[in-house]
PDB file of N, CA and C in Angstrom:
ATOM      1  N   UNK A   1     -42.429 -28.771 -53.255  1.00  0.00           N
ATOM      2  CA  UNK A   1     -42.405 -29.184 -51.858  1.00  0.00           C
ATOM      3  C   UNK A   1     -42.940 -30.602 -51.725  1.00  0.00           C
ATOM      4  N   UNK A   2     -43.931 -30.942 -52.509  1.00  0.00           N
ATOM      5  CA  UNK A   2     -44.510 -32.280 -52.416  1.00  0.00           C
ATOM      6  C   UNK A   2     -43.455 -33.349 -52.708  1.00  0.00           C
ATOM      7  N   UNK A   3     -42.652 -33.133 -53.733  1.00  0.00           N
ATOM      8  CA  UNK A   3     -41.619 -34.113 -54.074  1.00  0.00           C
ATOM      9  C   UNK A   3     -40.586 -34.241 -52.946  1.00  0.00           C
ATOM     10  N   UNK A   4     -40.240 -33.143 -52.325  1.00  0.00           N
ATOM     11  CA  UNK A   4     -39.283 -33.190 -51.213  1.00  0.00           C
ATOM     12  C   UNK A   4     -39.871 -33.947 -50.026  1.00  0.00           C
ATOM     13  N   UNK A   5     -41.164 -33.739 -49.767  1.00  0.00           N
ATOM     14  CA  UNK A   5     -41.807 -34.468 -48.681  1.00  0.00           C
ATOM     15  C   UNK A   5     -41.827 -35.964 -48.964  1.00  0.00           C
ATOM     16  N   UNK A   6     -42.042 -36.327 -50.206  1.00  0.00           N
ATOM     17  CA  UNK A   6     -42.035 -37.744 -50.563  1.00  0.00           C
ATOM     18  C   UNK A   6     -40.680 -38.378 -50.287  1.00  0.00           C
ATOM     19  N   UNK A   7     -39.622 -37.634 -50.468  1.00  0.00           N
ATOM     20  CA  UNK A   7     -38.282 -38.169 -50.247  1.00  0.00           C
ATOM     21  C   UNK A   7     -37.987 -38.403 -48.764  1.00  0.00           C
ATOM     22  N   UNK A   8     -38.433 -37.501 -47.920  1.00  0.00           N
ATOM     23  CA  UNK A   8     -38.106 -37.626 -46.497  1.00  0.00           C
ATOM     24  C   UNK A   8     -39.142 -38.420 -45.710  1.00  0.00           C
ATOM     25  N   UNK A   9     -40.280 -38.694 -46.297  1.00  0.00           N
ATOM     26  CA  UNK A   9     -41.377 -39.329 -45.552  1.00  0.00           C
ATOM     27  C   UNK A   9     -41.688 -40.742 -46.017  1.00  0.00           C
ATOM     28  N   UNK A  10     -40.719 -41.464 -46.481  1.00  0.00           N
ATOM     29  CA  UNK A  10     -40.956 -42.820 -46.985  1.00  0.00           C
ATOM     30  C   UNK A  10     -40.832 -43.898 -45.920  1.00  0.00           C
ATOM     31  N   UNK A  11     -40.597 -43.528 -44.711  1.00  0.00           N
ATOM     32  CA  UNK A  11     -40.418 -44.524 -43.663  1.00  0.00           C
ATOM     33  C   UNK A  11     -38.943 -44.794 -43.427  1.00  0.00           C
ATOM     34  N   UNK A  12     -38.660 -45.645 -42.471  1.00  0.00           N
ATOM     35  CA  UNK A  12     -37.278 -45.892 -42.056  1.00  0.00           C
ATOM     36  C   UNK A  12     -36.399 -46.385 -43.193  1.00  0.00           C
ATOM     37  N   UNK A  13     -36.905 -47.275 -43.995  1.00  0.00           N
ATOM     38  CA  UNK A  13     -36.068 -47.877 -45.029  1.00  0.00           C
ATOM     39  C   UNK A  13     -36.046 -47.108 -46.331  1.00  0.00           C
ATOM     40  N   UNK A  14     -37.088 -46.355 -46.623  1.00  0.00           N
ATOM     41  CA  UNK A  14     -37.158 -45.678 -47.911  1.00  0.00           C
ATOM     42  C   UNK A  14     -36.742 -44.224 -47.891  1.00  0.00           C
ATOM     43  N   UNK A  15     -36.758 -43.612 -46.707  1.00  0.00           N
ATOM     44  CA  UNK A  15     -36.446 -42.186 -46.604  1.00  0.00           C
ATOM     45  C   UNK A  15     -34.942 -41.960 -46.786  1.00  0.00           C
ATOM     46  N   UNK A  16     -34.629 -40.772 -47.239  1.00  0.00           N
ATOM     47  CA  UNK A  16     -33.226 -40.394 -47.363  1.00  0.00           C
ATOM     48  C   UNK A  16     -33.080 -38.942 -46.960  1.00  0.00           C
ATOM     49  N   UNK A  17     -31.863 -38.560 -46.623  1.00  0.00           N
ATOM     50  CA  UNK A  17     -31.592 -37.159 -46.319  1.00  0.00           C
ATOM     51  C   UNK A  17     -31.654 -36.350 -47.600  1.00  0.00           C
ATOM     52  N   UNK A  18     -32.063 -35.100 -47.471  1.00  0.00           N
ATOM     53  CA  UNK A  18     -32.070 -34.207 -48.622  1.00  0.00           C
ATOM     54  C   UNK A  18     -30.645 -33.769 -48.933  1.00  0.00           C
ATOM     55  N   UNK A  19     -30.403 -33.493 -50.202  1.00  0.00           N
ATOM     56  CA  UNK A  19     -29.128 -32.888 -50.566  1.00  0.00           C
ATOM     57  C   UNK A  19     -29.147 -31.443 -50.098  1.00  0.00           C
ATOM     58  N   UNK A  20     -28.011 -30.799 -50.149  1.00  0.00           N
ATOM     59  CA  UNK A  20     -27.940 -29.380 -49.773  1.00  0.00           C
ATOM     60  C   UNK A  20     -28.899 -28.560 -50.634  1.00  0.00           C
ATOM     61  N   UNK A  21     -28.874 -28.782 -51.934  1.00  0.00           N
ATOM     62  CA  UNK A  21     -29.727 -28.013 -52.847  1.00  0.00           C
ATOM     63  C   UNK A  21     -31.213 -28.263 -52.582  1.00  0.00           C
ATOM     64  N   UNK A  22     -31.571 -29.511 -52.268  1.00  0.00           N
ATOM     65  CA  UNK A  22     -32.970 -29.810 -51.944  1.00  0.00           C
ATOM     66  C   UNK A  22     -33.380 -29.137 -50.642  1.00  0.00           C
ATOM     67  N   UNK A  23     -32.480 -29.113 -49.674  1.00  0.00           N
ATOM     68  CA  UNK A  23     -32.773 -28.448 -48.403  1.00  0.00           C
ATOM     69  C   UNK A  23     -32.976 -26.952 -48.605  1.00  0.00           C
ATOM     70  N   UNK A  24     -32.181 -26.360 -49.493  1.00  0.00           N
ATOM     71  CA  UNK A  24     -32.349 -24.937 -49.811  1.00  0.00           C
ATOM     72  C   UNK A  24     -33.721 -24.705 -50.441  1.00  0.00           C
ATOM     73  N   UNK A  25     -34.122 -25.569 -51.366  1.00  0.00           N
ATOM     74  CA  UNK A  25     -35.441 -25.434 -51.995  1.00  0.00           C
ATOM     75  C   UNK A  25     -36.560 -25.542 -50.960  1.00  0.00           C
ATOM     76  N   UNK A  26     -36.418 -26.487 -50.041  1.00  0.00           N
ATOM     77  CA  UNK A  26     -37.425 -26.654 -48.998  1.00  0.00           C
ATOM     78  C   UNK A  26     -37.483 -25.414 -48.103  1.00  0.00           C
ATOM     79  N   UNK A  27     -36.337 -24.904 -47.710  1.00  0.00           N
ATOM     80  CA  UNK A  27     -36.294 -23.713 -46.857  1.00  0.00           C
ATOM     81  C   UNK A  27     -36.915 -22.511 -47.564  1.00  0.00           C
ATOM     82  N   UNK A  28     -36.607 -22.348 -48.830  1.00  0.00           N
ATOM     83  CA  UNK A  28     -37.186 -21.240 -49.597  1.00  0.00           C
ATOM     84  C   UNK A  28     -38.701 -21.375 -49.686  1.00  0.00           C
ATOM     85  N   UNK A  29     -39.189 -22.590 -49.935  1.00  0.00           N
ATOM     86  CA  UNK A  29     -40.637 -22.806 -50.031  1.00  0.00           C
ATOM     87  C   UNK A  29     -41.323 -22.478 -48.710  1.00  0.00           C
ATOM     88  N   UNK A  30     -40.673 -22.837 -47.611  1.00  0.00           N
ATOM     89  CA  UNK A  30     -41.254 -22.565 -46.293  1.00  0.00           C
ATOM     90  C   UNK A  30     -41.212 -21.069 -45.987  1.00  0.00           C
ATOM     91  N   UNK A  31     -40.076 -20.434 -46.216  1.00  0.00           N
ATOM     92  CA  UNK A  31     -39.920 -19.020 -45.855  1.00  0.00           C
ATOM     93  C   UNK A  31     -40.726 -18.075 -46.740  1.00  0.00           C
ATOM     94  N   UNK A  32     -40.958 -18.456 -47.979  1.00  0.00           N
ATOM     95  CA  UNK A  32     -41.753 -17.612 -48.876  1.00  0.00           C
ATOM     96  C   UNK A  32     -43.230 -17.979 -48.839  1.00  0.00           C
ATOM     97  N   UNK A  33     -43.576 -18.926 -47.996  1.00  0.00           N
ATOM     98  CA  UNK A  33     -44.940 -19.420 -47.821  1.00  0.00           C
ATOM     99  C   UNK A  33     -45.513 -20.030 -49.103  1.00  0.00           C
ATOM    100  N   UNK A  34     -44.613 -20.509 -49.963  1.00  0.00           N
ATOM    101  CA  UNK A  34     -45.045 -21.289 -51.127  1.00  0.00           C
ATOM    102  C   UNK A  34     -45.592 -22.636 -50.650  1.00  0.00           C
ATOM    103  N   UNK A  35     -44.979 -23.182 -49.608  1.00  0.00           N
ATOM    104  CA  UNK A  35     -45.457 -24.422 -48.992  1.00  0.00           C
ATOM    105  C   UNK A  35     -46.659 -24.097 -48.119  1.00  0.00           C
ATOM    106  N   UNK A  36     -47.634 -24.986 -48.130  1.00  0.00           N
ATOM    107  CA  UNK A  36     -48.811 -24.794 -47.281  1.00  0.00           C
ATOM    108  C   UNK A  36     -48.430 -25.041 -45.819  1.00  0.00           C
ATOM    109  N   UNK A  37     -49.234 -24.558 -44.890  1.00  0.00           N
ATOM    110  CA  UNK A  37     -48.956 -24.854 -43.480  1.00  0.00           C
ATOM    111  C   UNK A  37     -48.896 -26.361 -43.209  1.00  0.00           C
ATOM    112  N   UNK A  38     -49.730 -27.135 -43.872  1.00  0.00           N
ATOM    113  CA  UNK A  38     -49.712 -28.592 -43.692  1.00  0.00           C
ATOM    114  C   UNK A  38     -48.402 -29.189 -44.195  1.00  0.00           C
ATOM    115  N   UNK A  39     -47.914 -28.709 -45.336  1.00  0.00           N
ATOM    116  CA  UNK A  39     -46.650 -29.204 -45.872  1.00  0.00           C
ATOM    117  C   UNK A  39     -45.497 -28.841 -44.951  1.00  0.00           C
ATOM    118  N   UNK A  40     -45.516 -27.623 -44.444  1.00  0.00           N
ATOM    119  CA  UNK A  40     -44.462 -27.186 -43.528  1.00  0.00           C
ATOM    120  C   UNK A  40     -44.462 -28.043 -42.268  1.00  0.00           C
ATOM    121  N   UNK A  41     -45.639 -28.268 -41.707  1.00  0.00           N
ATOM    122  CA  UNK A  41     -45.742 -29.105 -40.513  1.00  0.00           C
ATOM    123  C   UNK A  41     -45.264 -30.530 -40.767  1.00  0.00           C
ATOM    124  N   UNK A  42     -45.656 -31.094 -41.899  1.00  0.00           N
ATOM    125  CA  UNK A  42     -45.236 -32.455 -42.239  1.00  0.00           C
ATOM    126  C   UNK A  42     -43.730 -32.523 -42.430  1.00  0.00           C
ATOM    127  N   UNK A  43     -43.166 -31.502 -43.036  1.00  0.00           N
ATOM    128  CA  UNK A  43     -41.722 -31.482 -43.267  1.00  0.00           C
ATOM    129  C   UNK A  43     -40.966 -31.483 -41.944  1.00  0.00           C
ATOM    130  N   UNK A  44     -41.370 -30.632 -41.023  1.00  0.00           N
ATOM    131  CA  UNK A  44     -40.677 -30.564 -39.745  1.00  0.00           C
ATOM    132  C   UNK A  44     -40.968 -31.778 -38.879  1.00  0.00           C
ATOM    133  N   UNK A  45     -42.160 -32.319 -38.951  1.00  0.00           N
ATOM    134  CA  UNK A  45     -42.495 -33.519 -38.181  1.00  0.00           C
ATOM    135  C   UNK A  45     -41.659 -34.707 -38.649  1.00  0.00           C
ATOM    136  N   UNK A  46     -41.581 -34.918 -39.969  1.00  0.00           N
ATOM    137  CA  UNK A  46     -40.825 -36.046 -40.503  1.00  0.00           C
ATOM    138  C   UNK A  46     -39.331 -35.846 -40.279  1.00  0.00           C
ATOM    139  N   UNK A  47     -38.875 -34.619 -40.326  1.00  0.00           N
ATOM    140  CA  UNK A  47     -37.462 -34.367 -40.106  1.00  0.00           C
ATOM    141  C   UNK A  47     -37.009 -34.608 -38.679  1.00  0.00           C
ATOM    142  N   UNK A  48     -37.952 -34.563 -37.762  1.00  0.00           N
ATOM    143  CA  UNK A  48     -37.631 -34.746 -36.344  1.00  0.00           C
ATOM    144  C   UNK A  48     -37.611 -36.220 -35.931  1.00  0.00           C
ATOM    145  N   UNK A  49     -38.058 -37.105 -36.813  1.00  0.00           N
ATOM    146  CA  UNK A  49     -38.135 -38.528 -36.461  1.00  0.00           C
ATOM    147  C   UNK A  49     -37.143 -39.344 -37.214  1.00  0.00           C
TER     148      UNK A  49
END
């Protein structure tokens, strides 16, 4: 999850969209609670901006 957060949270110029497979990994980490609440919050916060 940390690596996925690094990809989406690099700022306007450095961030990129996740691939389908990366999005699946992120969703699985969130739904299985492998991701911490802080990671989940950061993922959704960065995805909304």
